[in-house]
Amino acid sequence: MIKRSKEHLISVNESYIQHLKIALMIGAVMIVGGFQALIHALYPGILRTSASDKIKKLYEIVTKRS
């Protein structure tokens, strides 16, 4: 597991701390977007683009890292 973790960090050109910060941020955005989508499902008039905006933001973040 350690070897695979090191290989991954090398492949994304990040230190452990850099990767930790980015991965935590991506996870938080995903969680918030998920809750927004659930709320929107119950009340379609609110948060109409919030979840899709999060998806676009995540796409930007992830594609810039490649």
PDB file of N, CA and C in Angstrom:
ATOM      1  N   MET A   1       0.820  -1.187   0.000  1.00  0.00           N
ATOM      2  CA  MET A   1       0.000   0.000   0.000  1.00  0.00           C
ATOM      3  C   MET A   1       0.868   1.256   0.000  1.00  0.00           C
ATOM      4  N   ILE A   2       1.940   1.239   0.750  1.00  0.00           N
ATOM      5  CA  ILE A   2       2.827   2.398   0.794  1.00  0.00           C
ATOM      6  C   ILE A   2       3.471   2.630  -0.563  1.00  0.00           C
ATOM      7  N   LYS A   3       3.876   1.547  -1.212  1.00  0.00           N
ATOM      8  CA  LYS A   3       4.502   1.663  -2.531  1.00  0.00           C
ATOM      9  C   LYS A   3       3.524   2.280  -3.528  1.00  0.00           C
ATOM     10  N   ARG A   4       2.288   1.804  -3.530  1.00  0.00           N
ATOM     11  CA  ARG A   4       1.280   2.343  -4.448  1.00  0.00           C
ATOM     12  C   ARG A   4       0.980   3.803  -4.145  1.00  0.00           C
ATOM     13  N   SER A   5       0.978   4.163  -2.858  1.00  0.00           N
ATOM     14  CA  SER A   5       0.742   5.557  -2.476  1.00  0.00           C
ATOM     15  C   SER A   5       1.864   6.450  -2.988  1.00  0.00           C
ATOM     16  N   LYS A   6       3.101   5.993  -2.824  1.00  0.00           N
ATOM     17  CA  LYS A   6       4.244   6.768  -3.314  1.00  0.00           C
ATOM     18  C   LYS A   6       4.196   6.909  -4.832  1.00  0.00           C
ATOM     19  N   GLU A   7       3.845   5.837  -5.512  1.00  0.00           N
ATOM     20  CA  GLU A   7       3.738   5.881  -6.976  1.00  0.00           C
ATOM     21  C   GLU A   7       2.672   6.884  -7.410  1.00  0.00           C
ATOM     22  N   HIS A   8       1.565   6.902  -6.699  1.00  0.00           N
ATOM     23  CA  HIS A   8       0.492   7.831  -7.035  1.00  0.00           C
ATOM     24  C   HIS A   8       0.939   9.272  -6.813  1.00  0.00           C
ATOM     25  N   LEU A   9       1.581   9.541  -5.689  1.00  0.00           N
ATOM     26  CA  LEU A   9       2.054  10.899  -5.404  1.00  0.00           C
ATOM     27  C   LEU A   9       3.041  11.367  -6.471  1.00  0.00           C
ATOM     28  N   ILE A  10       3.891  10.468  -6.916  1.00  0.00           N
ATOM     29  CA  ILE A  10       4.844  10.803  -7.978  1.00  0.00           C
ATOM     30  C   ILE A  10       4.091  11.080  -9.280  1.00  0.00           C
ATOM     31  N   SER A  11       3.088  10.268  -9.579  1.00  0.00           N
ATOM     32  CA  SER A  11       2.357  10.422 -10.845  1.00  0.00           C
ATOM     33  C   SER A  11       1.581  11.741 -10.912  1.00  0.00           C
ATOM     34  N   VAL A  12       1.132  12.253  -9.763  1.00  0.00           N
ATOM     35  CA  VAL A  12       0.412  13.530  -9.753  1.00  0.00           C
ATOM     36  C   VAL A  12       1.329  14.697  -9.390  1.00  0.00           C
ATOM     37  N   ASN A  13       2.606  14.387  -9.163  1.00  0.00           N
ATOM     38  CA  ASN A  13       3.621  15.401  -8.864  1.00  0.00           C
ATOM     39  C   ASN A  13       3.236  16.256  -7.656  1.00  0.00           C
ATOM     40  N   GLU A  14       2.866  15.586  -6.563  1.00  0.00           N
ATOM     41  CA  GLU A  14       2.474  16.283  -5.338  1.00  0.00           C
ATOM     42  C   GLU A  14       3.139  15.630  -4.132  1.00  0.00           C
ATOM     43  N   SER A  15       3.364  16.454  -3.119  1.00  0.00           N
ATOM     44  CA  SER A  15       3.820  15.906  -1.852  1.00  0.00           C
ATOM     45  C   SER A  15       2.601  15.317  -1.140  1.00  0.00           C
ATOM     46  N   TYR A  16       2.852  14.610  -0.054  1.00  0.00           N
ATOM     47  CA  TYR A  16       1.746  14.027   0.705  1.00  0.00           C
ATOM     48  C   TYR A  16       0.800  15.123   1.193  1.00  0.00           C
ATOM     49  N   ILE A  17       1.345  16.210   1.729  1.00  0.00           N
ATOM     50  CA  ILE A  17       0.540  17.303   2.275  1.00  0.00           C
ATOM     51  C   ILE A  17      -0.258  17.993   1.164  1.00  0.00           C
ATOM     52  N   GLN A  18       0.374  18.240   0.020  1.00  0.00           N
ATOM     53  CA  GLN A  18      -0.338  18.859  -1.105  1.00  0.00           C
ATOM     54  C   GLN A  18      -1.510  17.973  -1.532  1.00  0.00           C
ATOM     55  N   HIS A  19      -1.233  16.686  -1.649  1.00  0.00           N
ATOM     56  CA  HIS A  19      -2.273  15.738  -2.062  1.00  0.00           C
ATOM     57  C   HIS A  19      -3.390  15.675  -1.023  1.00  0.00           C
ATOM     58  N   LEU A  20      -3.026  15.666   0.234  1.00  0.00           N
ATOM     59  CA  LEU A  20      -4.004  15.625   1.314  1.00  0.00           C
ATOM     60  C   LEU A  20      -4.953  16.818   1.228  1.00  0.00           C
ATOM     61  N   LYS A  21      -4.391  18.008   1.062  1.00  0.00           N
ATOM     62  CA  LYS A  21      -5.211  19.220   0.990  1.00  0.00           C
ATOM     63  C   LYS A  21      -6.166  19.173  -0.199  1.00  0.00           C
ATOM     64  N   ILE A  22      -5.651  18.796  -1.354  1.00  0.00           N
ATOM     65  CA  ILE A  22      -6.483  18.757  -2.557  1.00  0.00           C
ATOM     66  C   ILE A  22      -7.558  17.682  -2.439  1.00  0.00           C
ATOM     67  N   ALA A  23      -7.184  16.500  -1.963  1.00  0.00           N
ATOM     68  CA  ALA A  23      -8.152  15.407  -1.836  1.00  0.00           C
ATOM     69  C   ALA A  23      -9.247  15.745  -0.819  1.00  0.00           C
ATOM     70  N   LEU A  24      -8.875  16.386   0.280  1.00  0.00           N
ATOM     71  CA  LEU A  24      -9.877  16.796   1.271  1.00  0.00           C
ATOM     72  C   LEU A  24     -10.825  17.840   0.690  1.00  0.00           C
ATOM     73  N   MET A  25     -10.279  18.776  -0.071  1.00  0.00           N
ATOM     74  CA  MET A  25     -11.095  19.810  -0.678  1.00  0.00           C
ATOM     75  C   MET A  25     -12.059  19.200  -1.700  1.00  0.00           C
ATOM     76  N   ILE A  26     -11.556  18.296  -2.526  1.00  0.00           N
ATOM     77  CA  ILE A  26     -12.413  17.629  -3.516  1.00  0.00           C
ATOM     78  C   ILE A  26     -13.523  16.842  -2.805  1.00  0.00           C
ATOM     79  N   GLY A  27     -13.167  16.126  -1.773  1.00  0.00           N
ATOM     80  CA  GLY A  27     -14.165  15.359  -1.012  1.00  0.00           C
ATOM     81  C   GLY A  27     -15.220  16.254  -0.390  1.00  0.00           C
ATOM     82  N   ALA A  28     -14.804  17.387   0.162  1.00  0.00           N
ATOM     83  CA  ALA A  28     -15.752  18.325   0.775  1.00  0.00           C
ATOM     84  C   ALA A  28     -16.702  18.901  -0.275  1.00  0.00           C
ATOM     85  N   VAL A  29     -16.168  19.266  -1.427  1.00  0.00           N
ATOM     86  CA  VAL A  29     -17.012  19.794  -2.506  1.00  0.00           C
ATOM     87  C   VAL A  29     -18.017  18.734  -2.944  1.00  0.00           C
ATOM     88  N   MET A  30     -17.581  17.480  -3.029  1.00  0.00           N
ATOM     89  CA  MET A  30     -18.485  16.397  -3.421  1.00  0.00           C
ATOM     90  C   MET A  30     -19.599  16.203  -2.391  1.00  0.00           C
ATOM     91  N   ILE A  31     -19.260  16.257  -1.124  1.00  0.00           N
ATOM     92  CA  ILE A  31     -20.262  16.081  -0.071  1.00  0.00           C
ATOM     93  C   ILE A  31     -21.279  17.216  -0.113  1.00  0.00           C
ATOM     94  N   VAL A  32     -20.797  18.461  -0.199  1.00  0.00           N
ATOM     95  CA  VAL A  32     -21.697  19.614  -0.253  1.00  0.00           C
ATOM     96  C   VAL A  32     -22.602  19.517  -1.482  1.00  0.00           C
ATOM     97  N   GLY A  33     -22.015  19.202  -2.634  1.00  0.00           N
ATOM     98  CA  GLY A  33     -22.812  19.060  -3.857  1.00  0.00           C
ATOM     99  C   GLY A  33     -23.856  17.966  -3.739  1.00  0.00           C
ATOM    100  N   GLY A  34     -23.504  16.888  -3.076  1.00  0.00           N
ATOM    101  CA  GLY A  34     -24.451  15.795  -2.866  1.00  0.00           C
ATOM    102  C   GLY A  34     -25.638  16.225  -2.018  1.00  0.00           C
ATOM    103  N   PHE A  35     -25.352  16.951  -0.940  1.00  0.00           N
ATOM    104  CA  PHE A  35     -26.437  17.453  -0.099  1.00  0.00           C
ATOM    105  C   PHE A  35     -27.301  18.453  -0.869  1.00  0.00           C
ATOM    106  N   GLN A  36     -26.659  19.300  -1.670  1.00  0.00           N
ATOM    107  CA  GLN A  36     -27.421  20.256  -2.470  1.00  0.00           C
ATOM    108  C   GLN A  36     -28.340  19.532  -3.453  1.00  0.00           C
ATOM    109  N   ALA A  37     -27.847  18.465  -4.064  1.00  0.00           N
ATOM    110  CA  ALA A  37     -28.665  17.692  -4.994  1.00  0.00           C
ATOM    111  C   ALA A  37     -29.843  17.042  -4.279  1.00  0.00           C
ATOM    112  N   LEU A  38     -29.606  16.530  -3.077  1.00  0.00           N
ATOM    113  CA  LEU A  38     -30.695  15.917  -2.306  1.00  0.00           C
ATOM    114  C   LEU A  38     -31.749  16.948  -1.922  1.00  0.00           C
ATOM    115  N   ILE A  39     -31.310  18.120  -1.497  1.00  0.00           N
ATOM    116  CA  ILE A  39     -32.247  19.181  -1.139  1.00  0.00           C
ATOM    117  C   ILE A  39     -33.029  19.621  -2.377  1.00  0.00           C
ATOM    118  N   HIS A  40     -32.336  19.767  -3.489  1.00  0.00           N
ATOM    119  CA  HIS A  40     -32.997  20.155  -4.737  1.00  0.00           C
ATOM    120  C   HIS A  40     -34.034  19.101  -5.163  1.00  0.00           C
ATOM    121  N   ALA A  41     -33.727  17.843  -4.932  1.00  0.00           N
ATOM    122  CA  ALA A  41     -34.678  16.781  -5.283  1.00  0.00           C
ATOM    123  C   ALA A  41     -35.989  16.945  -4.518  1.00  0.00           C
ATOM    124  N   LEU A  42     -35.886  17.373  -3.265  1.00  0.00           N
ATOM    125  CA  LEU A  42     -37.084  17.560  -2.440  1.00  0.00           C
ATOM    126  C   LEU A  42     -37.796  18.873  -2.747  1.00  0.00           C
ATOM    127  N   TYR A  43     -37.009  19.921  -3.037  1.00  0.00           N
ATOM    128  CA  TYR A  43     -37.536  21.255  -3.294  1.00  0.00           C
ATOM    129  C   TYR A  43     -36.940  21.769  -4.603  1.00  0.00           C
ATOM    130  N   PRO A  44     -37.522  21.389  -5.736  1.00  0.00           N
ATOM    131  CA  PRO A  44     -36.942  21.707  -7.047  1.00  0.00           C
ATOM    132  C   PRO A  44     -36.741  23.193  -7.332  1.00  0.00           C
ATOM    133  N   GLY A  45     -37.452  24.053  -6.626  1.00  0.00           N
ATOM    134  CA  GLY A  45     -37.327  25.486  -6.875  1.00  0.00           C
ATOM    135  C   GLY A  45     -36.075  26.115  -6.307  1.00  0.00           C
ATOM    136  N   ILE A  46     -35.366  25.390  -5.445  1.00  0.00           N
ATOM    137  CA  ILE A  46     -34.154  25.964  -4.834  1.00  0.00           C
ATOM    138  C   ILE A  46     -32.923  25.173  -5.254  1.00  0.00           C
ATOM    139  N   LEU A  47     -31.793  25.809  -5.155  1.00  0.00           N
ATOM    140  CA  LEU A  47     -30.500  25.196  -5.479  1.00  0.00           C
ATOM    141  C   LEU A  47     -30.528  24.555  -6.869  1.00  0.00           C
ATOM    142  N   ARG A  48     -31.096  25.277  -7.815  1.00  0.00           N
ATOM    143  CA  ARG A  48     -31.310  24.706  -9.147  1.00  0.00           C
ATOM    144  C   ARG A  48     -30.023  24.383  -9.897  1.00  0.00           C
ATOM    145  N   THR A  49     -28.964  25.138  -9.673  1.00  0.00           N
ATOM    146  CA  THR A  49     -27.708  24.845 -10.386  1.00  0.00           C
ATOM    147  C   THR A  49     -26.549  24.542  -9.441  1.00  0.00           C
ATOM    148  N   SER A  50     -26.811  24.518  -8.165  1.00  0.00           N
ATOM    149  CA  SER A  50     -25.724  24.356  -7.188  1.00  0.00           C
ATOM    150  C   SER A  50     -24.939  23.061  -7.368  1.00  0.00           C
ATOM    151  N   ALA A  51     -25.634  21.943  -7.500  1.00  0.00           N
ATOM    152  CA  ALA A  51     -24.939  20.660  -7.636  1.00  0.00           C
ATOM    153  C   ALA A  51     -24.180  20.593  -8.957  1.00  0.00           C
ATOM    154  N   SER A  52     -24.802  21.046 -10.033  1.00  0.00           N
ATOM    155  CA  SER A  52     -24.110  21.010 -11.331  1.00  0.00           C
ATOM    156  C   SER A  52     -22.933  21.989 -11.349  1.00  0.00           C
ATOM    157  N   ASP A  53     -23.053  23.103 -10.631  1.00  0.00           N
ATOM    158  CA  ASP A  53     -21.916  24.028 -10.511  1.00  0.00           C
ATOM    159  C   ASP A  53     -20.742  23.345  -9.800  1.00  0.00           C
ATOM    160  N   LYS A  54     -21.051  22.538  -8.794  1.00  0.00           N
ATOM    161  CA  LYS A  54     -20.002  21.802  -8.074  1.00  0.00           C
ATOM    162  C   LYS A  54     -19.331  20.801  -9.004  1.00  0.00           C
ATOM    163  N   ILE A  55     -20.110  20.138  -9.838  1.00  0.00           N
ATOM    164  CA  ILE A  55     -19.551  19.164 -10.780  1.00  0.00           C
ATOM    165  C   ILE A  55     -18.592  19.860 -11.738  1.00  0.00           C
ATOM    166  N   LYS A  56     -18.991  21.019 -12.237  1.00  0.00           N
ATOM    167  CA  LYS A  56     -18.130  21.784 -13.138  1.00  0.00           C
ATOM    168  C   LYS A  56     -16.845  22.209 -12.434  1.00  0.00           C
ATOM    169  N   LYS A  57     -16.966  22.644 -11.177  1.00  0.00           N
ATOM    170  CA  LYS A  57     -15.798  23.047 -10.403  1.00  0.00           C
ATOM    171  C   LYS A  57     -14.850  21.860 -10.205  1.00  0.00           C
ATOM    172  N   LEU A  58     -15.414  20.700  -9.860  1.00  0.00           N
ATOM    173  CA  LEU A  58     -14.590  19.509  -9.675  1.00  0.00           C
ATOM    174  C   LEU A  58     -13.895  19.107 -10.969  1.00  0.00           C
ATOM    175  N   TYR A  59     -14.610  19.191 -12.085  1.00  0.00           N
ATOM    176  CA  TYR A  59     -14.015  18.859 -13.375  1.00  0.00           C
ATOM    177  C   TYR A  59     -12.817  19.769 -13.643  1.00  0.00           C
ATOM    178  N   GLU A  60     -12.979  21.057 -13.374  1.00  0.00           N
ATOM    179  CA  GLU A  60     -11.883  22.020 -13.564  1.00  0.00           C
ATOM    180  C   GLU A  60     -10.669  21.650 -12.716  1.00  0.00           C
ATOM    181  N   ILE A  61     -10.929  21.371 -11.445  1.00  0.00           N
ATOM    182  CA  ILE A  61      -9.848  21.038 -10.501  1.00  0.00           C
ATOM    183  C   ILE A  61      -9.104  19.790 -10.960  1.00  0.00           C
ATOM    184  N   VAL A  62      -9.850  18.752 -11.279  1.00  0.00           N
ATOM    185  CA  VAL A  62      -9.240  17.469 -11.623  1.00  0.00           C
ATOM    186  C   VAL A  62      -8.494  17.532 -12.952  1.00  0.00           C
ATOM    187  N   THR A  63      -9.062  18.201 -13.936  1.00  0.00           N
ATOM    188  CA  THR A  63      -8.383  18.254 -15.242  1.00  0.00           C
ATOM    189  C   THR A  63      -7.145  19.132 -15.213  1.00  0.00           C
ATOM    190  N   LYS A  64      -7.101  20.121 -14.345  1.00  0.00           N
ATOM    191  CA  LYS A  64      -5.903  20.959 -14.215  1.00  0.00           C
ATOM    192  C   LYS A  64      -4.747  20.199 -13.592  1.00  0.00           C
ATOM    193  N   ARG A  65      -5.051  19.187 -12.802  1.00  0.00           N
ATOM    194  CA  ARG A  65      -4.029  18.399 -12.107  1.00  0.00           C
ATOM    195  C   ARG A  65      -3.356  17.408 -13.040  1.00  0.00           C
ATOM    196  N   SER A  66      -4.016  17.004 -14.106  1.00  0.00           N
ATOM    197  CA  SER A  66      -3.489  15.954 -14.994  1.00  0.00           C
ATOM    198  C   SER A  66      -2.311  16.425 -15.802  1.00  0.00           C
TER     199      SER A  66
END
